[in-house]
Amino acid sequence: MAYIHPKNSEEQKISDMVYSLFRMLLHHAIKHEYGGWRVWVDTLAIVHSKVREDMFVLTVYSESVVIRCFFRYVGWANTNYNL
């Protein structure tokens, strides 16, 4: 729905609108619904897992690119290392 790391102003605007919607819905859940705090906890858990997954993918991908560039540099590019 939203961009964790927006790259331009349009992505930033979309992210701001999604976060604003989250804020309104969570405020309503906490203030007007029985057990609404559970909605808050569940939403934070979902957002946290998505951010951590994205950070993990970015980290693994960047390390994989560095290793592949090294293999090309030393002439091992044709070997199969399943990277």
PDB file of N, CA and C in Angstrom:
ATOM      1  N   MET A   1       0.809  -1.188   0.000  1.00  0.00           N
ATOM      2  CA  MET A   1       0.000   0.000   0.000  1.00  0.00           C
ATOM      3  C   MET A   1       0.860   1.263   0.000  1.00  0.00           C
ATOM      4  N   ALA A   2       1.776   1.348   0.947  1.00  0.00           N
ATOM      5  CA  ALA A   2       2.627   2.534   1.063  1.00  0.00           C
ATOM      6  C   ALA A   2       4.061   2.137   0.771  1.00  0.00           C
ATOM      7  N   TYR A   3       4.873   3.135   0.492  1.00  0.00           N
ATOM      8  CA  TYR A   3       6.286   2.891   0.234  1.00  0.00           C
ATOM      9  C   TYR A   3       7.052   3.083   1.542  1.00  0.00           C
ATOM     10  N   ILE A   4       7.876   2.108   1.890  1.00  0.00           N
ATOM     11  CA  ILE A   4       8.673   2.212   3.109  1.00  0.00           C
ATOM     12  C   ILE A   4       9.772   3.248   2.914  1.00  0.00           C
ATOM     13  N   HIS A   5      10.417   3.203   1.762  1.00  0.00           N
ATOM     14  CA  HIS A   5      11.474   4.159   1.420  1.00  0.00           C
ATOM     15  C   HIS A   5      11.076   4.865   0.123  1.00  0.00           C
ATOM     16  N   PRO A   6      10.251   5.922   0.210  1.00  0.00           N
ATOM     17  CA  PRO A   6       9.810   6.605  -1.015  1.00  0.00           C
ATOM     18  C   PRO A   6      10.977   7.236  -1.762  1.00  0.00           C
ATOM     19  N   LYS A   7      10.936   7.123  -3.090  1.00  0.00           N
ATOM     20  CA  LYS A   7      12.038   7.617  -3.920  1.00  0.00           C
ATOM     21  C   LYS A   7      11.752   8.969  -4.559  1.00  0.00           C
ATOM     22  N   ASN A   8      10.486   9.385  -4.579  1.00  0.00           N
ATOM     23  CA  ASN A   8      10.151  10.684  -5.156  1.00  0.00           C
ATOM     24  C   ASN A   8       8.957  11.275  -4.415  1.00  0.00           C
ATOM     25  N   SER A   9       8.551  12.463  -4.820  1.00  0.00           N
ATOM     26  CA  SER A   9       7.491  13.165  -4.097  1.00  0.00           C
ATOM     27  C   SER A   9       6.130  12.476  -4.257  1.00  0.00           C
ATOM     28  N   GLU A  10       5.895  11.835  -5.396  1.00  0.00           N
ATOM     29  CA  GLU A  10       4.621  11.138  -5.584  1.00  0.00           C
ATOM     30  C   GLU A  10       4.507   9.939  -4.640  1.00  0.00           C
ATOM     31  N   GLU A  11       5.585   9.164  -4.511  1.00  0.00           N
ATOM     32  CA  GLU A  11       5.581   8.040  -3.584  1.00  0.00           C
ATOM     33  C   GLU A  11       5.439   8.538  -2.150  1.00  0.00           C
ATOM     34  N   GLN A  12       6.064   9.666  -1.836  1.00  0.00           N
ATOM     35  CA  GLN A  12       5.955  10.241  -0.498  1.00  0.00           C
ATOM     36  C   GLN A  12       4.519  10.658  -0.203  1.00  0.00           C
ATOM     37  N   LYS A  13       3.856  11.242  -1.192  1.00  0.00           N
ATOM     38  CA  LYS A  13       2.463  11.667  -1.017  1.00  0.00           C
ATOM     39  C   LYS A  13       1.556  10.465  -0.780  1.00  0.00           C
ATOM     40  N   ILE A  14       1.759   9.391  -1.537  1.00  0.00           N
ATOM     41  CA  ILE A  14       0.973   8.167  -1.366  1.00  0.00           C
ATOM     42  C   ILE A  14       1.196   7.593   0.028  1.00  0.00           C
ATOM     43  N   SER A  15       2.452   7.536   0.453  1.00  0.00           N
ATOM     44  CA  SER A  15       2.763   7.020   1.780  1.00  0.00           C
ATOM     45  C   SER A  15       2.114   7.857   2.870  1.00  0.00           C
ATOM     46  N   ASP A  16       2.160   9.180   2.736  1.00  0.00           N
ATOM     47  CA  ASP A  16       1.533  10.056   3.721  1.00  0.00           C
ATOM     48  C   ASP A  16       0.027   9.829   3.803  1.00  0.00           C
ATOM     49  N   MET A  17      -0.622   9.641   2.652  1.00  0.00           N
ATOM     50  CA  MET A  17      -2.068   9.393   2.658  1.00  0.00           C
ATOM     51  C   MET A  17      -2.403   8.060   3.333  1.00  0.00           C
ATOM     52  N   VAL A  18      -1.606   7.021   3.065  1.00  0.00           N
ATOM     53  CA  VAL A  18      -1.851   5.714   3.678  1.00  0.00           C
ATOM     54  C   VAL A  18      -1.638   5.797   5.187  1.00  0.00           C
ATOM     55  N   TYR A  19      -0.575   6.467   5.619  1.00  0.00           N
ATOM     56  CA  TYR A  19      -0.323   6.601   7.057  1.00  0.00           C
ATOM     57  C   TYR A  19      -1.411   7.425   7.726  1.00  0.00           C
ATOM     58  N   SER A  20      -1.929   8.432   7.041  1.00  0.00           N
ATOM     59  CA  SER A  20      -3.026   9.229   7.578  1.00  0.00           C
ATOM     60  C   SER A  20      -4.282   8.369   7.745  1.00  0.00           C
ATOM     61  N   LEU A  21      -4.562   7.521   6.771  1.00  0.00           N
ATOM     62  CA  LEU A  21      -5.707   6.619   6.859  1.00  0.00           C
ATOM     63  C   LEU A  21      -5.534   5.646   8.023  1.00  0.00           C
ATOM     64  N   PHE A  22      -4.337   5.062   8.161  1.00  0.00           N
ATOM     65  CA  PHE A  22      -4.043   4.205   9.308  1.00  0.00           C
ATOM     66  C   PHE A  22      -4.319   4.940  10.616  1.00  0.00           C
ATOM     67  N   ARG A  23      -3.841   6.157  10.710  1.00  0.00           N
ATOM     68  CA  ARG A  23      -4.011   6.930  11.929  1.00  0.00           C
ATOM     69  C   ARG A  23      -5.492   7.126  12.263  1.00  0.00           C
ATOM     70  N   MET A  24      -6.300   7.462  11.264  1.00  0.00           N
ATOM     71  CA  MET A  24      -7.739   7.663  11.500  1.00  0.00           C
ATOM     72  C   MET A  24      -8.427   6.370  11.922  1.00  0.00           C
ATOM     73  N   LEU A  25      -8.119   5.286  11.216  1.00  0.00           N
ATOM     74  CA  LEU A  25      -8.768   4.010  11.533  1.00  0.00           C
ATOM     75  C   LEU A  25      -8.359   3.493  12.910  1.00  0.00           C
ATOM     76  N   LEU A  26      -7.092   3.627  13.238  1.00  0.00           N
ATOM     77  CA  LEU A  26      -6.632   3.156  14.542  1.00  0.00           C
ATOM     78  C   LEU A  26      -7.181   4.020  15.664  1.00  0.00           C
ATOM     79  N   HIS A  27      -7.287   5.319  15.437  1.00  0.00           N
ATOM     80  CA  HIS A  27      -7.877   6.204  16.440  1.00  0.00           C
ATOM     81  C   HIS A  27      -9.322   5.785  16.712  1.00  0.00           C
ATOM     82  N   HIS A  28     -10.069   5.516  15.661  1.00  0.00           N
ATOM     83  CA  HIS A  28     -11.443   5.072  15.811  1.00  0.00           C
ATOM     84  C   HIS A  28     -11.504   3.744  16.573  1.00  0.00           C
ATOM     85  N   ALA A  29     -10.637   2.807  16.220  1.00  0.00           N
ATOM     86  CA  ALA A  29     -10.650   1.494  16.862  1.00  0.00           C
ATOM     87  C   ALA A  29     -10.363   1.609  18.356  1.00  0.00           C
ATOM     88  N   ILE A  30      -9.389   2.419  18.722  1.00  0.00           N
ATOM     89  CA  ILE A  30      -9.018   2.551  20.128  1.00  0.00           C
ATOM     90  C   ILE A  30     -10.103   3.282  20.911  1.00  0.00           C
ATOM     91  N   LYS A  31     -10.658   4.303  20.326  1.00  0.00           N
ATOM     92  CA  LYS A  31     -11.600   5.167  21.050  1.00  0.00           C
ATOM     93  C   LYS A  31     -13.022   4.593  21.107  1.00  0.00           C
ATOM     94  N   HIS A  32     -13.484   3.933  20.068  1.00  0.00           N
ATOM     95  CA  HIS A  32     -14.896   3.596  19.960  1.00  0.00           C
ATOM     96  C   HIS A  32     -15.216   2.107  19.960  1.00  0.00           C
ATOM     97  N   GLU A  33     -14.227   1.230  19.878  1.00  0.00           N
ATOM     98  CA  GLU A  33     -14.530  -0.192  19.805  1.00  0.00           C
ATOM     99  C   GLU A  33     -13.985  -0.931  21.021  1.00  0.00           C
ATOM    100  N   TYR A  34     -14.737  -1.908  21.461  1.00  0.00           N
ATOM    101  CA  TYR A  34     -14.280  -2.744  22.560  1.00  0.00           C
ATOM    102  C   TYR A  34     -13.085  -3.578  22.088  1.00  0.00           C
ATOM    103  N   GLY A  35     -12.004  -3.551  22.834  1.00  0.00           N
ATOM    104  CA  GLY A  35     -10.799  -4.280  22.444  1.00  0.00           C
ATOM    105  C   GLY A  35     -10.073  -3.649  21.273  1.00  0.00           C
ATOM    106  N   GLY A  36     -10.304  -2.370  21.026  1.00  0.00           N
ATOM    107  CA  GLY A  36      -9.691  -1.694  19.886  1.00  0.00           C
ATOM    108  C   GLY A  36      -8.175  -1.620  19.964  1.00  0.00           C
ATOM    109  N   TRP A  37      -7.642  -1.676  21.184  1.00  0.00           N
ATOM    110  CA  TRP A  37      -6.188  -1.643  21.324  1.00  0.00           C
ATOM    111  C   TRP A  37      -5.554  -2.852  20.654  1.00  0.00           C
ATOM    112  N   ARG A  38      -6.301  -3.956  20.551  1.00  0.00           N
ATOM    113  CA  ARG A  38      -5.757  -5.143  19.874  1.00  0.00           C
ATOM    114  C   ARG A  38      -5.546  -4.882  18.384  1.00  0.00           C
ATOM    115  N   VAL A  39      -6.439  -4.074  17.799  1.00  0.00           N
ATOM    116  CA  VAL A  39      -6.274  -3.687  16.394  1.00  0.00           C
ATOM    117  C   VAL A  39      -4.967  -2.927  16.233  1.00  0.00           C
ATOM    118  N   TRP A  40      -4.669  -2.029  17.169  1.00  0.00           N
ATOM    119  CA  TRP A  40      -3.432  -1.250  17.149  1.00  0.00           C
ATOM    120  C   TRP A  40      -2.215  -2.171  17.213  1.00  0.00           C
ATOM    121  N   VAL A  41      -2.232  -3.124  18.122  1.00  0.00           N
ATOM    122  CA  VAL A  41      -1.099  -4.040  18.285  1.00  0.00           C
ATOM    123  C   VAL A  41      -0.919  -4.898  17.035  1.00  0.00           C
ATOM    124  N   ASP A  42      -2.008  -5.432  16.501  1.00  0.00           N
ATOM    125  CA  ASP A  42      -1.927  -6.257  15.295  1.00  0.00           C
ATOM    126  C   ASP A  42      -1.415  -5.457  14.099  1.00  0.00           C
ATOM    127  N   THR A  43      -1.882  -4.217  13.961  1.00  0.00           N
ATOM    128  CA  THR A  43      -1.433  -3.379  12.846  1.00  0.00           C
ATOM    129  C   THR A  43       0.050  -3.076  12.950  1.00  0.00           C
ATOM    130  N   LEU A  44       0.510  -2.749  14.144  1.00  0.00           N
ATOM    131  CA  LEU A  44       1.941  -2.495  14.330  1.00  0.00           C
ATOM    132  C   LEU A  44       2.770  -3.737  14.014  1.00  0.00           C
ATOM    133  N   ALA A  45       2.278  -4.906  14.398  1.00  0.00           N
ATOM    134  CA  ALA A  45       3.002  -6.147  14.109  1.00  0.00           C
ATOM    135  C   ALA A  45       3.101  -6.390  12.605  1.00  0.00           C
ATOM    136  N   ILE A  46       2.016  -6.150  11.885  1.00  0.00           N
ATOM    137  CA  ILE A  46       2.017  -6.349  10.433  1.00  0.00           C
ATOM    138  C   ILE A  46       2.962  -5.368   9.754  1.00  0.00           C
ATOM    139  N   VAL A  47       2.898  -4.099  10.157  1.00  0.00           N
ATOM    140  CA  VAL A  47       3.777  -3.086   9.556  1.00  0.00           C
ATOM    141  C   VAL A  47       5.231  -3.403   9.870  1.00  0.00           C
ATOM    142  N   HIS A  48       5.503  -3.805  11.115  1.00  0.00           N
ATOM    143  CA  HIS A  48       6.882  -4.139  11.496  1.00  0.00           C
ATOM    144  C   HIS A  48       7.415  -5.306  10.669  1.00  0.00           C
ATOM    145  N   SER A  49       6.603  -6.345  10.477  1.00  0.00           N
ATOM    146  CA  SER A  49       7.082  -7.502   9.706  1.00  0.00           C
ATOM    147  C   SER A  49       7.352  -7.129   8.249  1.00  0.00           C
ATOM    148  N   LYS A  50       6.514  -6.252   7.676  1.00  0.00           N
ATOM    149  CA  LYS A  50       6.727  -5.821   6.293  1.00  0.00           C
ATOM    150  C   LYS A  50       8.017  -5.018   6.156  1.00  0.00           C
ATOM    151  N   VAL A  51       8.250  -4.104   7.097  1.00  0.00           N
ATOM    152  CA  VAL A  51       9.477  -3.286   7.055  1.00  0.00           C
ATOM    153  C   VAL A  51      10.701  -4.172   7.218  1.00  0.00           C
ATOM    154  N   ARG A  52      10.667  -5.102   8.156  1.00  0.00           N
ATOM    155  CA  ARG A  52      11.819  -5.984   8.374  1.00  0.00           C
ATOM    156  C   ARG A  52      12.070  -6.869   7.151  1.00  0.00           C
ATOM    157  N   GLU A  53      11.000  -7.366   6.522  1.00  0.00           N
ATOM    158  CA  GLU A  53      11.161  -8.186   5.315  1.00  0.00           C
ATOM    159  C   GLU A  53      11.808  -7.376   4.200  1.00  0.00           C
ATOM    160  N   ASP A  54      11.348  -6.148   3.997  1.00  0.00           N
ATOM    161  CA  ASP A  54      11.933  -5.295   2.959  1.00  0.00           C
ATOM    162  C   ASP A  54      13.398  -4.998   3.250  1.00  0.00           C
ATOM    163  N   MET A  55      13.715  -4.726   4.508  1.00  0.00           N
ATOM    164  CA  MET A  55      15.114  -4.450   4.862  1.00  0.00           C
ATOM    165  C   MET A  55      15.978  -5.686   4.639  1.00  0.00           C
ATOM    166  N   PHE A  56      15.452  -6.874   4.971  1.00  0.00           N
ATOM    167  CA  PHE A  56      16.197  -8.114   4.766  1.00  0.00           C
ATOM    168  C   PHE A  56      16.460  -8.359   3.282  1.00  0.00           C
ATOM    169  N   VAL A  57      15.432  -8.171   2.456  1.00  0.00           N
ATOM    170  CA  VAL A  57      15.591  -8.380   1.011  1.00  0.00           C
ATOM    171  C   VAL A  57      16.612  -7.405   0.440  1.00  0.00           C
ATOM    172  N   LEU A  58      16.551  -6.138   0.866  1.00  0.00           N
ATOM    173  CA  LEU A  58      17.523  -5.158   0.384  1.00  0.00           C
ATOM    174  C   LEU A  58      18.941  -5.533   0.801  1.00  0.00           C
ATOM    175  N   THR A  59      19.108  -6.013   2.027  1.00  0.00           N
ATOM    176  CA  THR A  59      20.433  -6.392   2.520  1.00  0.00           C
ATOM    177  C   THR A  59      20.973  -7.603   1.767  1.00  0.00           C
ATOM    178  N   VAL A  60      20.163  -8.638   1.637  1.00  0.00           N
ATOM    179  CA  VAL A  60      20.612  -9.862   0.954  1.00  0.00           C
ATOM    180  C   VAL A  60      20.911  -9.571  -0.504  1.00  0.00           C
ATOM    181  N   TYR A  61      20.056  -8.805  -1.164  1.00  0.00           N
ATOM    182  CA  TYR A  61      20.271  -8.503  -2.575  1.00  0.00           C
ATOM    183  C   TYR A  61      21.554  -7.711  -2.770  1.00  0.00           C
ATOM    184  N   SER A  62      21.815  -6.725  -1.930  1.00  0.00           N
ATOM    185  CA  SER A  62      23.017  -5.914  -2.101  1.00  0.00           C
ATOM    186  C   SER A  62      24.271  -6.742  -1.845  1.00  0.00           C
ATOM    187  N   GLU A  63      24.232  -7.640  -0.846  1.00  0.00           N
ATOM    188  CA  GLU A  63      25.393  -8.502  -0.596  1.00  0.00           C
ATOM    189  C   GLU A  63      25.607  -9.466  -1.754  1.00  0.00           C
ATOM    190  N   SER A  64      24.523  -9.986  -2.326  1.00  0.00           N
ATOM    191  CA  SER A  64      24.626 -10.901  -3.447  1.00  0.00           C
ATOM    192  C   SER A  64      25.243 -10.215  -4.661  1.00  0.00           C
ATOM    193  N   VAL A  65      24.867  -8.971  -4.903  1.00  0.00           N
ATOM    194  CA  VAL A  65      25.434  -8.218  -6.025  1.00  0.00           C
ATOM    195  C   VAL A  65      26.925  -8.007  -5.825  1.00  0.00           C
ATOM    196  N   VAL A  66      27.348  -7.699  -4.618  1.00  0.00           N
ATOM    197  CA  VAL A  66      28.777  -7.506  -4.331  1.00  0.00           C
ATOM    198  C   VAL A  66      29.552  -8.793  -4.573  1.00  0.00           C
ATOM    199  N   ILE A  67      29.005  -9.920  -4.136  1.00  0.00           N
ATOM    200  CA  ILE A  67      29.688 -11.209  -4.324  1.00  0.00           C
ATOM    201  C   ILE A  67      29.775 -11.552  -5.814  1.00  0.00           C
ATOM    202  N   ARG A  68      28.706 -11.330  -6.567  1.00  0.00           N
ATOM    203  CA  ARG A  68      28.736 -11.618  -8.005  1.00  0.00           C
ATOM    204  C   ARG A  68      29.761 -10.749  -8.725  1.00  0.00           C
ATOM    205  N   CYS A  69      29.823  -9.470  -8.356  1.00  0.00           N
ATOM    206  CA  CYS A  69      30.821  -8.591  -8.970  1.00  0.00           C
ATOM    207  C   CYS A  69      32.228  -9.071  -8.656  1.00  0.00           C
ATOM    208  N   PHE A  70      32.452  -9.541  -7.430  1.00  0.00           N
ATOM    209  CA  PHE A  70      33.764 -10.070  -7.057  1.00  0.00           C
ATOM    210  C   PHE A  70      34.101 -11.297  -7.901  1.00  0.00           C
ATOM    211  N   PHE A  71      33.139 -12.229  -8.069  1.00  0.00           N
ATOM    212  CA  PHE A  71      33.381 -13.427  -8.861  1.00  0.00           C
ATOM    213  C   PHE A  71      33.708 -13.068 -10.309  1.00  0.00           C
ATOM    214  N   ARG A  72      33.024 -12.080 -10.864  1.00  0.00           N
ATOM    215  CA  ARG A  72      33.339 -11.650 -12.223  1.00  0.00           C
ATOM    216  C   ARG A  72      34.750 -11.069 -12.292  1.00  0.00           C
ATOM    217  N   TYR A  73      35.111 -10.317 -11.273  1.00  0.00           N
ATOM    218  CA  TYR A  73      36.414  -9.667 -11.246  1.00  0.00           C
ATOM    219  C   TYR A  73      37.536 -10.703 -11.201  1.00  0.00           C
ATOM    220  N   VAL A  74      37.373 -11.757 -10.388  1.00  0.00           N
ATOM    221  CA  VAL A  74      38.438 -12.746 -10.267  1.00  0.00           C
ATOM    222  C   VAL A  74      38.344 -13.848 -11.313  1.00  0.00           C
ATOM    223  N   GLY A  75      37.320 -13.795 -12.178  1.00  0.00           N
ATOM    224  CA  GLY A  75      37.235 -14.766 -13.259  1.00  0.00           C
ATOM    225  C   GLY A  75      36.461 -16.016 -12.921  1.00  0.00           C
ATOM    226  N   TRP A  76      35.700 -16.018 -11.836  1.00  0.00           N
ATOM    227  CA  TRP A  76      34.922 -17.192 -11.452  1.00  0.00           C
ATOM    228  C   TRP A  76      33.464 -17.048 -11.871  1.00  0.00           C
ATOM    229  N   ALA A  77      33.180 -16.196 -12.817  1.00  0.00           N
ATOM    230  CA  ALA A  77      31.789 -15.893 -13.173  1.00  0.00           C
ATOM    231  C   ALA A  77      31.065 -17.087 -13.773  1.00  0.00           C
ATOM    232  N   ASN A  78      31.781 -18.013 -14.390  1.00  0.00           N
ATOM    233  CA  ASN A  78      31.131 -19.144 -15.044  1.00  0.00           C
ATOM    234  C   ASN A  78      30.887 -20.318 -14.103  1.00  0.00           C
ATOM    235  N   THR A  79      31.353 -20.238 -12.878  1.00  0.00           N
ATOM    236  CA  THR A  79      31.107 -21.320 -11.930  1.00  0.00           C
ATOM    237  C   THR A  79      29.731 -21.156 -11.316  1.00  0.00           C
ATOM    238  N   ASN A  80      29.145 -22.258 -10.901  1.00  0.00           N
ATOM    239  CA  ASN A  80      27.791 -22.233 -10.336  1.00  0.00           C
ATOM    240  C   ASN A  80      27.867 -22.238  -8.822  1.00  0.00           C
ATOM    241  N   TYR A  81      27.622 -21.078  -8.199  1.00  0.00           N
ATOM    242  CA  TYR A  81      27.638 -20.956  -6.752  1.00  0.00           C
ATOM    243  C   TYR A  81      26.242 -20.689  -6.192  1.00  0.00           C
ATOM    244  N   ASN A  82      25.221 -20.735  -7.051  1.00  0.00           N
ATOM    245  CA  ASN A  82      23.816 -20.552  -6.641  1.00  0.00           C
ATOM    246  C   ASN A  82      23.621 -19.297  -5.806  1.00  0.00           C
ATOM    247  N   LEU A  83      24.134 -18.183  -6.258  1.00  0.00           N
ATOM    248  CA  LEU A  83      23.966 -16.937  -5.521  1.00  0.00           C
ATOM    249  C   LEU A  83      22.779 -16.178  -6.040  1.00  0.00           C
TER     250      LEU A  83
END
